[in-house]
């Protein structure tokens, strides 16, 4: 039981990452292609894992563009 006195380390997830996670697989795939990355990397970003900064910026821009069309 090592480490039971320290709190669990949880990644901080932003609102845009939460919005990405609720999208359908097809929509997430389209955003990943637009960001020139794979769906795996895009899903990792949605969970709060570390990805390249340019991928994160491209996914955020894609989500903002998706919201403007409504």
C-alpha atoms as a PDB file:
ATOM      1  CA  UNK A   1       0.000   0.000   0.000  1.00  0.00           C
ATOM      2  CA  UNK A   2       2.598   2.500  -1.017  1.00  0.00           C
ATOM      3  CA  UNK A   3       1.470   6.049  -1.467  1.00  0.00           C
ATOM      4  CA  UNK A   4      -1.798   5.783   0.415  1.00  0.00           C
ATOM      5  CA  UNK A   5      -1.058   9.017   2.282  1.00  0.00           C
ATOM      6  CA  UNK A   6      -0.757  11.114  -0.859  1.00  0.00           C
ATOM      7  CA  UNK A   7      -3.732  12.185  -2.975  1.00  0.00           C
ATOM      8  CA  UNK A   8      -4.328  10.625  -6.366  1.00  0.00           C
ATOM      9  CA  UNK A   9      -2.828  12.441  -9.316  1.00  0.00           C
ATOM     10  CA  UNK A  10      -5.573  13.321 -11.775  1.00  0.00           C
ATOM     11  CA  UNK A  11      -5.136  15.131 -15.065  1.00  0.00           C
ATOM     12  CA  UNK A  12      -6.855  18.498 -15.350  1.00  0.00           C
ATOM     13  CA  UNK A  13      -9.382  18.453 -18.170  1.00  0.00           C
ATOM     14  CA  UNK A  14     -10.625  21.687 -19.757  1.00  0.00           C
ATOM     15  CA  UNK A  15     -14.134  22.392 -21.001  1.00  0.00           C
ATOM     16  CA  UNK A  16     -13.066  21.979 -24.621  1.00  0.00           C
ATOM     17  CA  UNK A  17     -11.620  18.555 -23.834  1.00  0.00           C
ATOM     18  CA  UNK A  18     -14.874  17.530 -22.154  1.00  0.00           C
ATOM     19  CA  UNK A  19     -16.818  18.767 -25.181  1.00  0.00           C
ATOM     20  CA  UNK A  20     -14.552  16.688 -27.435  1.00  0.00           C
ATOM     21  CA  UNK A  21     -15.184  13.545 -25.403  1.00  0.00           C
ATOM     22  CA  UNK A  22     -18.974  13.740 -25.790  1.00  0.00           C
ATOM     23  CA  UNK A  23     -18.797  13.930 -29.597  1.00  0.00           C
ATOM     24  CA  UNK A  24     -19.489  10.855 -31.677  1.00  0.00           C
ATOM     25  CA  UNK A  25     -16.611   8.771 -32.983  1.00  0.00           C
ATOM     26  CA  UNK A  26     -17.239   9.959 -36.529  1.00  0.00           C
ATOM     27  CA  UNK A  27     -17.098  13.629 -35.511  1.00  0.00           C
ATOM     28  CA  UNK A  28     -13.941  13.055 -33.442  1.00  0.00           C
ATOM     29  CA  UNK A  29     -12.329  11.323 -36.436  1.00  0.00           C
ATOM     30  CA  UNK A  30     -13.132  14.274 -38.692  1.00  0.00           C
ATOM     31  CA  UNK A  31     -11.626  16.702 -36.182  1.00  0.00           C
ATOM     32  CA  UNK A  32      -8.530  14.534 -35.817  1.00  0.00           C
ATOM     33  CA  UNK A  33      -8.027  14.461 -39.590  1.00  0.00           C
ATOM     34  CA  UNK A  34      -8.403  18.241 -39.741  1.00  0.00           C
ATOM     35  CA  UNK A  35      -5.765  18.533 -37.004  1.00  0.00           C
ATOM     36  CA  UNK A  36      -3.515  16.151 -38.998  1.00  0.00           C
ATOM     37  CA  UNK A  37      -3.301  13.564 -36.240  1.00  0.00           C
ATOM     38  CA  UNK A  38      -4.746  10.170 -35.399  1.00  0.00           C
ATOM     39  CA  UNK A  39      -7.894   9.446 -33.462  1.00  0.00           C
ATOM     40  CA  UNK A  40      -5.785   7.830 -30.743  1.00  0.00           C
ATOM     41  CA  UNK A  41      -3.807  11.031 -30.137  1.00  0.00           C
ATOM     42  CA  UNK A  42      -6.982  13.107 -30.267  1.00  0.00           C
ATOM     43  CA  UNK A  43      -8.638  10.871 -27.680  1.00  0.00           C
ATOM     44  CA  UNK A  44      -5.554  11.124 -25.486  1.00  0.00           C
ATOM     45  CA  UNK A  45      -5.875  14.896 -25.630  1.00  0.00           C
ATOM     46  CA  UNK A  46      -9.551  14.557 -24.681  1.00  0.00           C
ATOM     47  CA  UNK A  47      -8.583  12.567 -21.573  1.00  0.00           C
ATOM     48  CA  UNK A  48      -6.053  15.186 -20.522  1.00  0.00           C
ATOM     49  CA  UNK A  49      -2.932  13.257 -21.472  1.00  0.00           C
ATOM     50  CA  UNK A  50       0.106  15.017 -22.871  1.00  0.00           C
ATOM     51  CA  UNK A  51       0.164  15.591 -26.638  1.00  0.00           C
ATOM     52  CA  UNK A  52       2.099  17.936 -28.892  1.00  0.00           C
ATOM     53  CA  UNK A  53       1.086  21.601 -28.465  1.00  0.00           C
ATOM     54  CA  UNK A  54       0.334  22.074 -32.167  1.00  0.00           C
ATOM     55  CA  UNK A  55      -2.081  19.128 -32.083  1.00  0.00           C
ATOM     56  CA  UNK A  56      -3.837  20.562 -29.036  1.00  0.00           C
ATOM     57  CA  UNK A  57      -4.174  23.981 -30.693  1.00  0.00           C
ATOM     58  CA  UNK A  58      -5.536  22.440 -33.882  1.00  0.00           C
ATOM     59  CA  UNK A  59      -8.120  20.370 -31.998  1.00  0.00           C
ATOM     60  CA  UNK A  60      -9.245  23.384 -29.970  1.00  0.00           C
ATOM     61  CA  UNK A  61      -9.572  25.440 -33.154  1.00  0.00           C
ATOM     62  CA  UNK A  62     -11.613  22.666 -34.748  1.00  0.00           C
ATOM     63  CA  UNK A  63     -13.969  22.515 -31.786  1.00  0.00           C
ATOM     64  CA  UNK A  64     -14.456  26.287 -31.820  1.00  0.00           C
ATOM     65  CA  UNK A  65     -15.227  26.193 -35.541  1.00  0.00           C
ATOM     66  CA  UNK A  66     -17.679  23.369 -34.942  1.00  0.00           C
ATOM     67  CA  UNK A  67     -19.556  25.452 -32.373  1.00  0.00           C
ATOM     68  CA  UNK A  68     -19.769  28.533 -34.616  1.00  0.00           C
ATOM     69  CA  UNK A  69     -21.722  26.739 -37.328  1.00  0.00           C
ATOM     70  CA  UNK A  70     -24.827  26.348 -35.164  1.00  0.00           C
END
